[in-house]
Amino acid sequence: MSDASSTSTIPSAPENSSEGLAERSTAGDLHADKYNDPRAHFGWKAWASMFAIIIGGAVFALSSIYVRRTRLEETTRFWGPETITAIQLGDHVMLLPREGSDFDPVELTAFPGLGHLRRALLDERHYEWSTQSEAGVDDFCADIDDAQCVRLEFSDPSLQRFETAQVDIELNHGVVGPADQSRRVEVNERVRPALKHQIGLLMRVKQKRYDRRD
C-alpha cells in the first residue's frame, strides 16, 4: 500500500478561529444580525414616550397627594387658628352630652377612630359653606324638636400649647360650630351620617373614670 492511502485525512481548522466561533454563534441565534444591526437604535420618539410616562406618573402621584391632603383654608377661617390647632394636636379629648343626649362623658384620648374624627372636622371639603349662619349650635339645638347635641373638648394639659377648645355638634342635622362663638355651619351629606355613626358609637362606650382636666 502507498503511504498516501494509509494516512488518515485530518480536516484542516479554519484559518481564523474567531470567525468560526462567530459563524457558529450566528447559526445558533437566528436573530443575532438584528441585535448587531447598526440601523436599530433608540429613536427620539421612544425617548419622548419614556419621558412622557415618567412625567405623567409624577403628575399623577402629586395629584393624589393633593387630593388626600387635608385642606384647611376655609376651616381655619371658620374655626380660627387656635381651635384648628386644638383639633389637630389636642392630646386630651372629651365627648360631653348636651341637649337631647343622655350618656356619661367619654374620654376619647386613646380611641382608635379619633384621627378620623379630627379629619372630619378639619377638611374644608366636608362642609356646606353656603349654610353658614351667625348663630350658635346651642341656639339651633334649642329651636328643633329632634335635637341630639354633643360637645367635643380638646385640651393640652401636658404641654399647654393652646387653650382648651370646645366644638358643639348637632348630630341629626349635621350642624357644627365653636361653643364659645355665635357661628355654625352644616357638614355635607356624605360626612353627616358617618359623623353621627361614629359619635353614636362613642356615646355607648362605658366610661370607667371621667377626669376632666382644665
N, C-alpha and C. Protein backbone atom coordinates (compact mmCIF):
# COMPACT_ATOMS: atom_id res chain seq x y z
N MET A 1 0.84 -1.18 0.00
CA MET A 1 0.00 0.00 0.00
C MET A 1 0.88 1.23 0.00
N SER A 2 0.35 2.27 -0.65
CA SER A 2 1.12 3.52 -0.68
C SER A 2 0.94 4.27 0.59
N ASP A 3 1.89 5.16 0.85
CA ASP A 3 1.81 5.98 2.06
C ASP A 3 0.60 6.89 2.04
N ALA A 4 0.18 7.34 0.82
CA ALA A 4 -0.96 8.25 0.72
C ALA A 4 -2.23 7.60 1.14
N SER A 5 -2.41 6.28 0.77
CA SER A 5 -3.66 5.59 1.10
C SER A 5 -3.71 5.20 2.55
N SER A 6 -2.57 4.97 3.19
CA SER A 6 -2.56 4.52 4.58
C SER A 6 -2.65 5.68 5.57
N THR A 7 -2.53 6.89 5.10
CA THR A 7 -2.55 8.05 6.01
C THR A 7 -3.97 8.58 6.13
N SER A 8 -4.47 8.78 7.39
CA SER A 8 -5.83 9.29 7.63
C SER A 8 -5.90 10.75 7.24
N THR A 9 -7.06 11.11 6.70
CA THR A 9 -7.26 12.50 6.29
C THR A 9 -7.77 13.30 7.47
N ILE A 10 -7.07 14.35 7.88
CA ILE A 10 -7.44 15.18 9.04
C ILE A 10 -7.94 16.51 8.51
N PRO A 11 -9.21 16.90 8.87
CA PRO A 11 -9.74 18.18 8.35
C PRO A 11 -8.95 19.34 8.92
N SER A 12 -8.74 20.28 8.06
CA SER A 12 -7.97 21.45 8.48
C SER A 12 -8.85 22.41 9.26
N ALA A 13 -8.27 23.05 10.27
CA ALA A 13 -9.01 24.01 11.09
C ALA A 13 -9.21 25.29 10.31
N PRO A 14 -10.24 26.04 10.62
CA PRO A 14 -10.44 27.32 9.92
C PRO A 14 -9.24 28.21 10.14
N GLU A 15 -8.95 28.99 9.10
CA GLU A 15 -7.80 29.86 9.20
C GLU A 15 -7.95 30.83 10.37
N ASN A 16 -9.17 31.28 10.62
CA ASN A 16 -9.39 32.23 11.71
C ASN A 16 -10.39 31.62 12.67
N SER A 17 -9.93 31.22 13.88
CA SER A 17 -10.82 30.52 14.81
C SER A 17 -11.94 31.42 15.30
N SER A 18 -11.69 32.72 15.44
CA SER A 18 -12.73 33.63 15.92
C SER A 18 -13.86 33.74 14.91
N GLU A 19 -13.53 33.70 13.62
CA GLU A 19 -14.57 33.73 12.61
C GLU A 19 -15.43 32.49 12.68
N GLY A 20 -14.81 31.36 13.00
CA GLY A 20 -15.58 30.13 13.13
C GLY A 20 -16.54 30.20 14.29
N LEU A 21 -16.09 30.76 15.41
CA LEU A 21 -16.98 30.90 16.57
C LEU A 21 -18.13 31.83 16.25
N ALA A 22 -17.83 32.90 15.54
CA ALA A 22 -18.88 33.85 15.18
C ALA A 22 -19.91 33.22 14.29
N GLU A 23 -19.44 32.37 13.32
CA GLU A 23 -20.38 31.71 12.43
C GLU A 23 -21.27 30.76 13.20
N ARG A 24 -20.67 29.99 14.15
CA ARG A 24 -21.48 29.06 14.94
C ARG A 24 -22.46 29.80 15.83
N SER A 25 -22.02 30.95 16.39
CA SER A 25 -22.92 31.72 17.25
C SER A 25 -24.08 32.26 16.45
N THR A 26 -23.80 32.73 15.24
CA THR A 26 -24.86 33.25 14.38
C THR A 26 -25.82 32.16 13.98
N ALA A 27 -25.28 30.99 13.73
CA ALA A 27 -26.14 29.87 13.36
C ALA A 27 -27.04 29.48 14.51
N GLY A 28 -26.55 29.61 15.77
CA GLY A 28 -27.36 29.25 16.92
C GLY A 28 -28.43 30.28 17.24
N ASP A 29 -28.22 31.55 16.87
CA ASP A 29 -29.18 32.62 17.15
C ASP A 29 -29.58 33.24 15.82
N LEU A 30 -30.80 32.94 15.41
CA LEU A 30 -31.24 33.38 14.09
C LEU A 30 -31.42 34.89 14.02
N HIS A 31 -31.53 35.56 15.20
CA HIS A 31 -31.80 36.99 15.21
C HIS A 31 -30.58 37.81 15.60
N ALA A 32 -29.42 37.19 15.63
CA ALA A 32 -28.23 37.91 16.06
C ALA A 32 -27.92 39.08 15.14
N ASP A 33 -28.27 38.94 13.85
CA ASP A 33 -27.98 40.02 12.92
C ASP A 33 -28.79 41.27 13.24
N LYS A 34 -29.99 41.06 13.85
CA LYS A 34 -30.81 42.22 14.22
C LYS A 34 -30.23 42.95 15.42
N TYR A 35 -29.67 42.15 16.36
CA TYR A 35 -29.09 42.78 17.54
C TYR A 35 -27.90 43.65 17.17
N ASN A 36 -27.15 43.22 16.19
CA ASN A 36 -25.94 43.92 15.81
C ASN A 36 -26.15 44.88 14.65
N ASP A 37 -27.41 45.04 14.24
CA ASP A 37 -27.70 45.90 13.10
C ASP A 37 -27.51 47.36 13.52
N PRO A 38 -26.59 48.09 12.91
CA PRO A 38 -26.38 49.50 13.29
C PRO A 38 -27.59 50.37 13.02
N ARG A 39 -28.53 49.90 12.19
CA ARG A 39 -29.72 50.70 11.91
C ARG A 39 -30.72 50.65 13.05
N ALA A 40 -30.61 49.63 13.96
CA ALA A 40 -31.52 49.52 15.10
C ALA A 40 -31.04 50.46 16.20
N HIS A 41 -31.82 51.50 16.49
CA HIS A 41 -31.42 52.46 17.51
C HIS A 41 -32.65 52.94 18.26
N PHE A 42 -32.42 53.54 19.46
CA PHE A 42 -33.48 54.06 20.33
C PHE A 42 -33.75 55.49 19.90
N GLY A 43 -34.76 55.68 19.07
CA GLY A 43 -35.02 56.97 18.47
C GLY A 43 -35.62 57.99 19.42
N TRP A 44 -35.79 59.22 18.92
CA TRP A 44 -36.30 60.31 19.76
C TRP A 44 -37.74 60.07 20.17
N LYS A 45 -38.52 59.37 19.34
CA LYS A 45 -39.90 59.08 19.71
C LYS A 45 -39.97 58.16 20.92
N ALA A 46 -39.06 57.17 20.94
CA ALA A 46 -39.03 56.26 22.09
C ALA A 46 -38.62 57.01 23.36
N TRP A 47 -37.61 57.88 23.22
CA TRP A 47 -37.21 58.68 24.38
C TRP A 47 -38.34 59.59 24.85
N ALA A 48 -39.03 60.22 23.89
CA ALA A 48 -40.14 61.10 24.24
C ALA A 48 -41.25 60.34 24.95
N SER A 49 -41.53 59.14 24.48
CA SER A 49 -42.56 58.32 25.13
C SER A 49 -42.17 57.97 26.56
N MET A 50 -40.89 57.63 26.73
CA MET A 50 -40.43 57.26 28.06
C MET A 50 -40.53 58.45 29.02
N PHE A 51 -40.10 59.63 28.56
CA PHE A 51 -40.18 60.82 29.42
C PHE A 51 -41.64 61.18 29.71
N ALA A 52 -42.51 60.99 28.72
CA ALA A 52 -43.93 61.29 28.94
C ALA A 52 -44.52 60.39 30.01
N ILE A 53 -44.12 59.12 30.00
CA ILE A 53 -44.61 58.18 31.02
C ILE A 53 -44.11 58.59 32.41
N ILE A 54 -42.82 58.96 32.49
CA ILE A 54 -42.25 59.37 33.78
C ILE A 54 -42.93 60.62 34.30
N ILE A 55 -43.09 61.63 33.43
CA ILE A 55 -43.72 62.88 33.85
C ILE A 55 -45.17 62.65 34.23
N GLY A 56 -45.87 61.82 33.43
CA GLY A 56 -47.27 61.52 33.76
C GLY A 56 -47.41 60.84 35.10
N GLY A 57 -46.50 59.92 35.40
CA GLY A 57 -46.53 59.25 36.70
C GLY A 57 -46.28 60.21 37.85
N ALA A 58 -45.34 61.13 37.64
CA ALA A 58 -45.05 62.12 38.69
C ALA A 58 -46.24 63.04 38.93
N VAL A 59 -46.87 63.49 37.85
CA VAL A 59 -48.05 64.36 37.98
C VAL A 59 -49.18 63.64 38.69
N PHE A 60 -49.39 62.36 38.34
CA PHE A 60 -50.45 61.58 38.99
C PHE A 60 -50.18 61.43 40.48
N ALA A 61 -48.91 61.16 40.83
CA ALA A 61 -48.56 60.99 42.25
C ALA A 61 -48.79 62.29 43.02
N LEU A 62 -48.37 63.42 42.44
CA LEU A 62 -48.57 64.70 43.12
C LEU A 62 -50.05 65.04 43.24
N SER A 63 -50.82 64.70 42.20
CA SER A 63 -52.27 64.96 42.26
C SER A 63 -52.93 64.13 43.35
N SER A 64 -52.50 62.89 43.48
CA SER A 64 -53.06 62.02 44.52
C SER A 64 -52.76 62.57 45.91
N ILE A 65 -51.52 63.06 46.09
CA ILE A 65 -51.16 63.64 47.39
C ILE A 65 -52.00 64.87 47.67
N TYR A 66 -52.22 65.69 46.64
CA TYR A 66 -53.01 66.92 46.82
C TYR A 66 -54.45 66.59 47.18
N VAL A 67 -55.01 65.58 46.52
CA VAL A 67 -56.40 65.21 46.79
C VAL A 67 -56.55 64.69 48.21
N ARG A 68 -55.57 63.88 48.67
CA ARG A 68 -55.66 63.31 50.01
C ARG A 68 -55.30 64.31 51.11
N ARG A 69 -54.63 65.36 50.74
CA ARG A 69 -54.18 66.32 51.74
C ARG A 69 -55.37 67.07 52.34
N THR A 70 -55.34 67.24 53.66
CA THR A 70 -56.40 67.97 54.35
C THR A 70 -56.31 69.45 53.99
N ARG A 71 -57.43 70.00 53.53
CA ARG A 71 -57.47 71.41 53.15
C ARG A 71 -58.05 72.22 54.31
N LEU A 72 -57.33 73.27 54.69
CA LEU A 72 -57.65 73.97 55.93
C LEU A 72 -58.01 75.44 55.75
N GLU A 73 -58.01 75.94 54.54
CA GLU A 73 -58.20 77.38 54.36
C GLU A 73 -59.55 77.86 54.91
N GLU A 74 -60.64 77.24 54.46
CA GLU A 74 -61.97 77.67 54.90
C GLU A 74 -62.23 77.29 56.36
N THR A 75 -61.75 76.12 56.76
CA THR A 75 -61.98 75.71 58.14
C THR A 75 -61.20 76.58 59.13
N THR A 76 -60.02 77.04 58.73
CA THR A 76 -59.27 77.95 59.59
C THR A 76 -60.00 79.28 59.74
N ARG A 77 -60.57 79.75 58.65
CA ARG A 77 -61.36 80.98 58.72
C ARG A 77 -62.57 80.80 59.64
N PHE A 78 -63.22 79.64 59.56
CA PHE A 78 -64.43 79.41 60.35
C PHE A 78 -64.12 79.15 61.82
N TRP A 79 -63.23 78.21 62.08
CA TRP A 79 -62.94 77.81 63.46
C TRP A 79 -61.98 78.76 64.16
N GLY A 80 -61.06 79.33 63.40
CA GLY A 80 -59.99 80.13 63.99
C GLY A 80 -58.74 79.29 64.19
N PRO A 81 -57.56 79.90 64.10
CA PRO A 81 -56.30 79.14 64.20
C PRO A 81 -56.14 78.37 65.50
N GLU A 82 -56.59 78.95 66.61
CA GLU A 82 -56.43 78.29 67.91
C GLU A 82 -57.23 76.99 67.96
N THR A 83 -58.47 77.04 67.49
CA THR A 83 -59.31 75.83 67.51
C THR A 83 -58.77 74.78 66.54
N ILE A 84 -58.30 75.21 65.38
CA ILE A 84 -57.70 74.27 64.43
C ILE A 84 -56.51 73.57 65.06
N THR A 85 -55.65 74.32 65.74
CA THR A 85 -54.50 73.72 66.42
C THR A 85 -54.95 72.75 67.50
N ALA A 86 -55.99 73.11 68.23
CA ALA A 86 -56.50 72.23 69.29
C ALA A 86 -57.05 70.93 68.71
N ILE A 87 -57.79 71.02 67.61
CA ILE A 87 -58.33 69.81 66.98
C ILE A 87 -57.19 68.93 66.48
N GLN A 88 -56.16 69.55 65.92
CA GLN A 88 -55.04 68.79 65.38
C GLN A 88 -54.19 68.14 66.47
N LEU A 89 -53.91 68.86 67.53
CA LEU A 89 -52.88 68.43 68.49
C LEU A 89 -53.41 68.06 69.86
N GLY A 90 -54.68 68.31 70.13
CA GLY A 90 -55.21 68.05 71.46
C GLY A 90 -54.97 66.62 71.91
N ASP A 91 -54.22 66.45 73.00
CA ASP A 91 -53.91 65.09 73.47
C ASP A 91 -54.88 64.61 74.54
N HIS A 92 -55.83 65.46 74.90
CA HIS A 92 -56.88 65.05 75.84
C HIS A 92 -58.21 65.49 75.24
N VAL A 93 -59.01 64.52 74.82
CA VAL A 93 -60.25 64.80 74.11
C VAL A 93 -61.41 64.17 74.86
N MET A 94 -62.43 64.97 75.12
CA MET A 94 -63.62 64.50 75.83
C MET A 94 -64.84 64.65 74.95
N LEU A 95 -65.77 63.70 75.06
CA LEU A 95 -67.09 63.78 74.44
C LEU A 95 -68.10 64.00 75.55
N LEU A 96 -68.82 65.13 75.49
CA LEU A 96 -69.73 65.53 76.56
C LEU A 96 -71.16 65.61 76.05
N PRO A 97 -72.15 65.22 76.88
CA PRO A 97 -73.56 65.30 76.46
C PRO A 97 -74.07 66.74 76.49
N ARG A 98 -74.97 67.04 75.53
CA ARG A 98 -75.63 68.33 75.50
C ARG A 98 -77.13 68.09 75.28
N GLU A 99 -77.81 69.05 74.73
CA GLU A 99 -79.25 68.97 74.52
C GLU A 99 -79.65 67.71 73.74
N GLY A 100 -80.56 66.90 74.31
CA GLY A 100 -81.08 65.72 73.63
C GLY A 100 -80.19 64.50 73.71
N SER A 101 -79.10 64.55 74.45
CA SER A 101 -78.19 63.40 74.59
C SER A 101 -78.13 62.97 76.05
N ASP A 102 -78.06 61.67 76.26
CA ASP A 102 -78.01 61.14 77.62
C ASP A 102 -76.97 60.03 77.68
N PHE A 103 -75.77 60.38 78.06
CA PHE A 103 -74.70 59.40 78.21
C PHE A 103 -73.66 59.98 79.15
N ASP A 104 -72.85 59.12 79.69
CA ASP A 104 -71.77 59.58 80.56
C ASP A 104 -70.64 60.17 79.72
N PRO A 105 -69.98 61.20 80.21
CA PRO A 105 -68.83 61.77 79.48
C PRO A 105 -67.80 60.68 79.14
N VAL A 106 -67.26 60.76 77.96
CA VAL A 106 -66.34 59.74 77.46
C VAL A 106 -65.00 60.38 77.09
N GLU A 107 -63.93 59.82 77.60
CA GLU A 107 -62.60 60.27 77.20
C GLU A 107 -62.19 59.54 75.93
N LEU A 108 -61.84 60.31 74.91
CA LEU A 108 -61.53 59.74 73.59
C LEU A 108 -60.04 59.72 73.30
N THR A 109 -59.22 60.08 74.25
CA THR A 109 -57.79 60.29 74.00
C THR A 109 -57.13 59.10 73.32
N ALA A 110 -57.44 57.90 73.76
CA ALA A 110 -56.80 56.70 73.19
C ALA A 110 -57.72 55.96 72.23
N PHE A 111 -58.81 56.57 71.84
CA PHE A 111 -59.75 55.88 70.96
C PHE A 111 -59.18 55.76 69.55
N PRO A 112 -59.23 54.56 68.93
CA PRO A 112 -58.60 54.35 67.62
C PRO A 112 -59.18 55.23 66.51
N GLY A 113 -60.47 55.57 66.57
CA GLY A 113 -61.08 56.34 65.50
C GLY A 113 -60.97 57.84 65.66
N LEU A 114 -60.18 58.30 66.62
CA LEU A 114 -60.09 59.74 66.87
C LEU A 114 -59.49 60.49 65.69
N GLY A 115 -58.56 59.87 64.98
CA GLY A 115 -57.96 60.52 63.82
C GLY A 115 -58.98 60.82 62.74
N HIS A 116 -59.92 59.89 62.51
CA HIS A 116 -60.98 60.11 61.52
C HIS A 116 -61.88 61.26 61.95
N LEU A 117 -62.15 61.34 63.24
CA LEU A 117 -62.99 62.41 63.76
C LEU A 117 -62.30 63.77 63.58
N ARG A 118 -61.02 63.81 63.83
CA ARG A 118 -60.27 65.06 63.63
C ARG A 118 -60.34 65.50 62.16
N ARG A 119 -60.09 64.56 61.24
CA ARG A 119 -60.10 64.91 59.82
C ARG A 119 -61.48 65.35 59.35
N ALA A 120 -62.53 64.74 59.91
CA ALA A 120 -63.89 65.13 59.54
C ALA A 120 -64.15 66.60 59.86
N LEU A 121 -63.58 67.08 60.95
CA LEU A 121 -63.77 68.47 61.35
C LEU A 121 -62.80 69.42 60.66
N LEU A 122 -61.64 68.94 60.25
CA LEU A 122 -60.60 69.82 59.72
C LEU A 122 -60.73 70.11 58.24
N ASP A 123 -61.13 69.14 57.44
CA ASP A 123 -61.08 69.30 55.99
C ASP A 123 -62.23 70.18 55.50
N GLU A 124 -61.90 71.24 54.78
CA GLU A 124 -62.92 72.19 54.31
C GLU A 124 -63.89 71.57 53.31
N ARG A 125 -63.50 70.47 52.67
CA ARG A 125 -64.38 69.81 51.70
C ARG A 125 -65.52 69.05 52.36
N HIS A 126 -65.51 68.95 53.68
CA HIS A 126 -66.54 68.22 54.41
C HIS A 126 -67.73 69.10 54.80
N TYR A 127 -67.71 70.37 54.39
CA TYR A 127 -68.73 71.31 54.82
C TYR A 127 -69.54 71.85 53.65
N GLU A 128 -70.77 72.26 53.96
CA GLU A 128 -71.60 73.02 53.03
C GLU A 128 -71.51 74.49 53.46
N TRP A 129 -70.57 75.21 52.87
CA TRP A 129 -70.29 76.56 53.35
C TRP A 129 -71.42 77.53 53.08
N SER A 130 -72.29 77.21 52.17
CA SER A 130 -73.44 78.10 51.90
C SER A 130 -74.44 78.11 53.06
N THR A 131 -74.33 77.15 53.98
CA THR A 131 -75.26 77.07 55.11
C THR A 131 -74.74 77.80 56.35
N GLN A 132 -73.60 78.45 56.25
CA GLN A 132 -73.03 79.11 57.42
C GLN A 132 -73.98 80.19 57.94
N SER A 133 -74.13 80.22 59.25
CA SER A 133 -75.04 81.16 59.90
C SER A 133 -74.37 81.80 61.10
N GLU A 134 -74.72 83.06 61.36
CA GLU A 134 -74.17 83.77 62.51
C GLU A 134 -75.02 83.51 63.75
N ALA A 135 -75.13 82.26 64.11
CA ALA A 135 -75.84 81.85 65.32
C ALA A 135 -75.20 80.56 65.79
N GLY A 136 -75.19 80.35 67.11
CA GLY A 136 -74.51 79.20 67.66
C GLY A 136 -75.28 77.90 67.53
N VAL A 137 -74.59 76.79 67.73
CA VAL A 137 -75.22 75.47 67.69
C VAL A 137 -76.19 75.32 68.85
N ASP A 138 -75.89 75.91 69.99
CA ASP A 138 -76.81 75.86 71.13
C ASP A 138 -78.17 76.44 70.77
N ASP A 139 -78.18 77.55 70.03
CA ASP A 139 -79.44 78.15 69.61
C ASP A 139 -80.21 77.20 68.69
N PHE A 140 -79.48 76.55 67.79
CA PHE A 140 -80.11 75.61 66.87
C PHE A 140 -80.70 74.43 67.64
N CYS A 141 -79.95 73.91 68.61
CA CYS A 141 -80.43 72.76 69.39
C CYS A 141 -81.68 73.12 70.19
N ALA A 142 -81.79 74.36 70.63
CA ALA A 142 -82.95 74.79 71.42
C ALA A 142 -84.18 75.00 70.55
N ASP A 143 -83.99 75.19 69.25
CA ASP A 143 -85.11 75.52 68.36
C ASP A 143 -85.75 74.31 67.69
N ILE A 144 -85.11 73.15 67.70
CA ILE A 144 -85.65 71.99 67.00
C ILE A 144 -86.07 70.91 68.00
N ASP A 145 -87.03 70.07 67.57
CA ASP A 145 -87.57 69.05 68.47
C ASP A 145 -86.71 67.80 68.53
N ASP A 146 -86.04 67.48 67.44
CA ASP A 146 -85.28 66.22 67.39
C ASP A 146 -83.79 66.44 67.60
N ALA A 147 -83.45 67.41 68.41
CA ALA A 147 -82.03 67.73 68.62
C ALA A 147 -81.31 66.60 69.34
N GLN A 148 -80.11 66.33 68.87
CA GLN A 148 -79.20 65.40 69.55
C GLN A 148 -77.82 66.05 69.53
N CYS A 149 -77.51 66.75 70.58
CA CYS A 149 -76.32 67.60 70.60
C CYS A 149 -75.24 67.04 71.53
N VAL A 150 -74.01 67.21 71.11
CA VAL A 150 -72.87 66.78 71.92
C VAL A 150 -71.80 67.87 71.84
N ARG A 151 -70.81 67.75 72.69
CA ARG A 151 -69.69 68.69 72.68
C ARG A 151 -68.38 67.92 72.73
N LEU A 152 -67.46 68.31 71.87
CA LEU A 152 -66.10 67.77 71.90
C LEU A 152 -65.19 68.81 72.54
N GLU A 153 -64.37 68.35 73.47
CA GLU A 153 -63.47 69.26 74.18
C GLU A 153 -62.03 68.81 73.94
N PHE A 154 -61.23 69.68 73.34
CA PHE A 154 -59.84 69.40 73.02
C PHE A 154 -58.94 70.24 73.94
N SER A 155 -58.07 69.58 74.69
CA SER A 155 -57.18 70.30 75.60
C SER A 155 -55.77 69.72 75.53
N ASP A 156 -54.85 70.43 76.13
CA ASP A 156 -53.43 70.04 76.11
C ASP A 156 -52.84 70.25 77.50
N PRO A 157 -53.28 69.45 78.48
CA PRO A 157 -52.85 69.68 79.86
C PRO A 157 -51.36 69.44 80.09
N SER A 158 -50.74 68.61 79.27
CA SER A 158 -49.33 68.29 79.48
C SER A 158 -48.41 69.42 79.03
N LEU A 159 -48.54 69.83 77.77
CA LEU A 159 -47.64 70.84 77.21
C LEU A 159 -48.24 72.24 77.21
N GLN A 160 -49.56 72.32 77.32
CA GLN A 160 -50.26 73.61 77.36
C GLN A 160 -49.87 74.50 76.17
N ARG A 161 -49.95 73.92 74.98
CA ARG A 161 -49.61 74.67 73.77
C ARG A 161 -50.74 75.57 73.30
N PHE A 162 -51.95 75.35 73.80
CA PHE A 162 -53.10 76.15 73.38
C PHE A 162 -54.17 76.08 74.46
N GLU A 163 -55.13 76.99 74.36
CA GLU A 163 -56.25 77.00 75.28
C GLU A 163 -57.23 75.88 74.91
N THR A 164 -57.99 75.43 75.89
CA THR A 164 -59.00 74.40 75.64
C THR A 164 -60.01 74.90 74.62
N ALA A 165 -60.31 74.07 73.63
CA ALA A 165 -61.28 74.41 72.58
C ALA A 165 -62.46 73.46 72.67
N GLN A 166 -63.67 74.01 72.52
CA GLN A 166 -64.89 73.22 72.58
C GLN A 166 -65.67 73.36 71.28
N VAL A 167 -66.07 72.22 70.74
CA VAL A 167 -66.80 72.15 69.48
C VAL A 167 -68.16 71.54 69.74
N ASP A 168 -69.23 72.26 69.38
CA ASP A 168 -70.59 71.73 69.53
C ASP A 168 -71.05 71.10 68.23
N ILE A 169 -71.76 69.98 68.35
CA ILE A 169 -72.24 69.24 67.18
C ILE A 169 -73.68 68.81 67.41
N GLU A 170 -74.56 69.08 66.42
CA GLU A 170 -75.91 68.53 66.42
C GLU A 170 -75.91 67.41 65.40
N LEU A 171 -76.16 66.19 65.86
CA LEU A 171 -75.91 65.01 65.04
C LEU A 171 -76.97 64.74 63.98
N ASN A 172 -78.23 64.99 64.27
CA ASN A 172 -79.30 64.64 63.33
C ASN A 172 -79.29 65.51 62.08
N HIS A 173 -78.81 66.73 62.20
CA HIS A 173 -78.80 67.65 61.06
C HIS A 173 -77.38 68.00 60.62
N GLY A 174 -76.39 67.48 61.32
CA GLY A 174 -75.01 67.72 60.92
C GLY A 174 -74.56 69.16 61.06
N VAL A 175 -74.97 69.81 62.14
CA VAL A 175 -74.61 71.21 62.36
C VAL A 175 -73.48 71.29 63.38
N VAL A 176 -72.45 72.05 63.08
CA VAL A 176 -71.29 72.16 63.97
C VAL A 176 -70.91 73.62 64.13
N GLY A 177 -70.20 73.91 65.22
CA GLY A 177 -69.73 75.27 65.44
C GLY A 177 -68.96 75.37 66.74
N PRO A 178 -68.19 76.44 66.91
CA PRO A 178 -67.45 76.64 68.17
C PRO A 178 -68.42 76.94 69.30
N ALA A 179 -68.17 76.36 70.47
CA ALA A 179 -69.08 76.52 71.60
C ALA A 179 -69.09 77.94 72.15
N ASP A 180 -68.00 78.66 71.99
CA ASP A 180 -67.89 79.99 72.59
C ASP A 180 -68.15 81.12 71.61
N GLN A 181 -68.70 80.80 70.42
CA GLN A 181 -68.96 81.83 69.42
C GLN A 181 -70.31 81.57 68.76
N SER A 182 -70.92 82.64 68.27
CA SER A 182 -72.21 82.53 67.58
C SER A 182 -71.96 82.30 66.09
N ARG A 183 -71.66 81.06 65.77
CA ARG A 183 -71.37 80.71 64.38
C ARG A 183 -71.59 79.22 64.21
N ARG A 184 -72.22 78.84 63.12
CA ARG A 184 -72.44 77.42 62.85
C ARG A 184 -72.49 77.19 61.34
N VAL A 185 -72.32 75.91 60.97
CA VAL A 185 -72.35 75.50 59.58
C VAL A 185 -72.70 74.02 59.54
N GLU A 186 -73.22 73.56 58.39
CA GLU A 186 -73.57 72.15 58.24
C GLU A 186 -72.45 71.40 57.54
N VAL A 187 -72.23 70.16 57.95
CA VAL A 187 -71.35 69.28 57.19
C VAL A 187 -72.13 68.76 55.99
N ASN A 188 -71.42 68.24 54.99
CA ASN A 188 -72.12 67.81 53.78
C ASN A 188 -72.82 66.46 53.97
N GLU A 189 -73.60 66.06 52.99
CA GLU A 189 -74.43 64.86 53.10
C GLU A 189 -73.61 63.59 53.22
N ARG A 190 -72.41 63.59 52.70
CA ARG A 190 -71.57 62.39 52.79
C ARG A 190 -70.99 62.23 54.19
N VAL A 191 -70.61 63.34 54.81
CA VAL A 191 -69.98 63.28 56.12
C VAL A 191 -71.00 63.13 57.24
N ARG A 192 -72.19 63.68 57.05
CA ARG A 192 -73.19 63.72 58.12
C ARG A 192 -73.50 62.35 58.72
N PRO A 193 -73.88 61.34 57.92
CA PRO A 193 -74.17 60.03 58.53
C PRO A 193 -72.95 59.38 59.16
N ALA A 194 -71.78 59.58 58.57
CA ALA A 194 -70.56 58.99 59.13
C ALA A 194 -70.23 59.62 60.48
N LEU A 195 -70.40 60.94 60.58
CA LEU A 195 -70.14 61.63 61.83
C LEU A 195 -71.11 61.18 62.92
N LYS A 196 -72.37 61.07 62.55
CA LYS A 196 -73.38 60.63 63.52
C LYS A 196 -73.11 59.20 63.97
N HIS A 197 -72.75 58.34 63.04
CA HIS A 197 -72.50 56.94 63.37
C HIS A 197 -71.30 56.81 64.30
N GLN A 198 -70.23 57.51 63.99
CA GLN A 198 -69.01 57.37 64.79
C GLN A 198 -69.22 57.92 66.20
N ILE A 199 -69.82 59.09 66.30
CA ILE A 199 -70.04 59.65 67.63
C ILE A 199 -71.08 58.83 68.39
N GLY A 200 -72.05 58.26 67.66
CA GLY A 200 -73.01 57.38 68.31
C GLY A 200 -72.35 56.17 68.95
N LEU A 201 -71.34 55.63 68.28
CA LEU A 201 -70.58 54.52 68.86
C LEU A 201 -69.83 54.97 70.11
N LEU A 202 -69.26 56.14 70.05
CA LEU A 202 -68.50 56.65 71.20
C LEU A 202 -69.41 56.91 72.39
N MET A 203 -70.63 57.35 72.13
CA MET A 203 -71.56 57.63 73.21
C MET A 203 -71.92 56.37 74.00
N ARG A 204 -71.79 55.23 73.36
CA ARG A 204 -72.15 53.97 74.02
C ARG A 204 -70.97 53.32 74.74
N VAL A 205 -69.82 53.95 74.66
CA VAL A 205 -68.65 53.42 75.37
C VAL A 205 -68.85 53.63 76.86
N LYS A 206 -68.62 52.56 77.65
CA LYS A 206 -68.77 52.67 79.10
C LYS A 206 -67.54 53.39 79.66
N GLN A 207 -67.78 54.54 80.25
CA GLN A 207 -66.70 55.33 80.82
C GLN A 207 -66.46 54.92 82.27
N LYS A 208 -65.28 54.40 82.55
CA LYS A 208 -64.96 53.95 83.90
C LYS A 208 -64.55 55.11 84.80
N ARG A 209 -63.88 56.07 84.19
CA ARG A 209 -63.42 57.19 85.00
C ARG A 209 -63.43 58.46 84.16
N TYR A 210 -64.00 59.50 84.71
CA TYR A 210 -64.04 60.78 83.99
C TYR A 210 -63.18 61.78 84.74
N ASP A 211 -62.07 62.12 84.12
CA ASP A 211 -61.14 63.07 84.74
C ASP A 211 -61.07 64.30 83.84
N ARG A 212 -61.85 65.29 84.14
CA ARG A 212 -61.91 66.48 83.30
C ARG A 212 -60.85 67.47 83.77
N ARG A 213 -59.74 67.48 83.03
CA ARG A 213 -58.62 68.35 83.40
C ARG A 213 -58.70 69.66 82.65
N ASP A 214 -58.55 70.75 83.38
CA ASP A 214 -58.62 72.09 82.77
C ASP A 214 -57.22 72.55 82.37
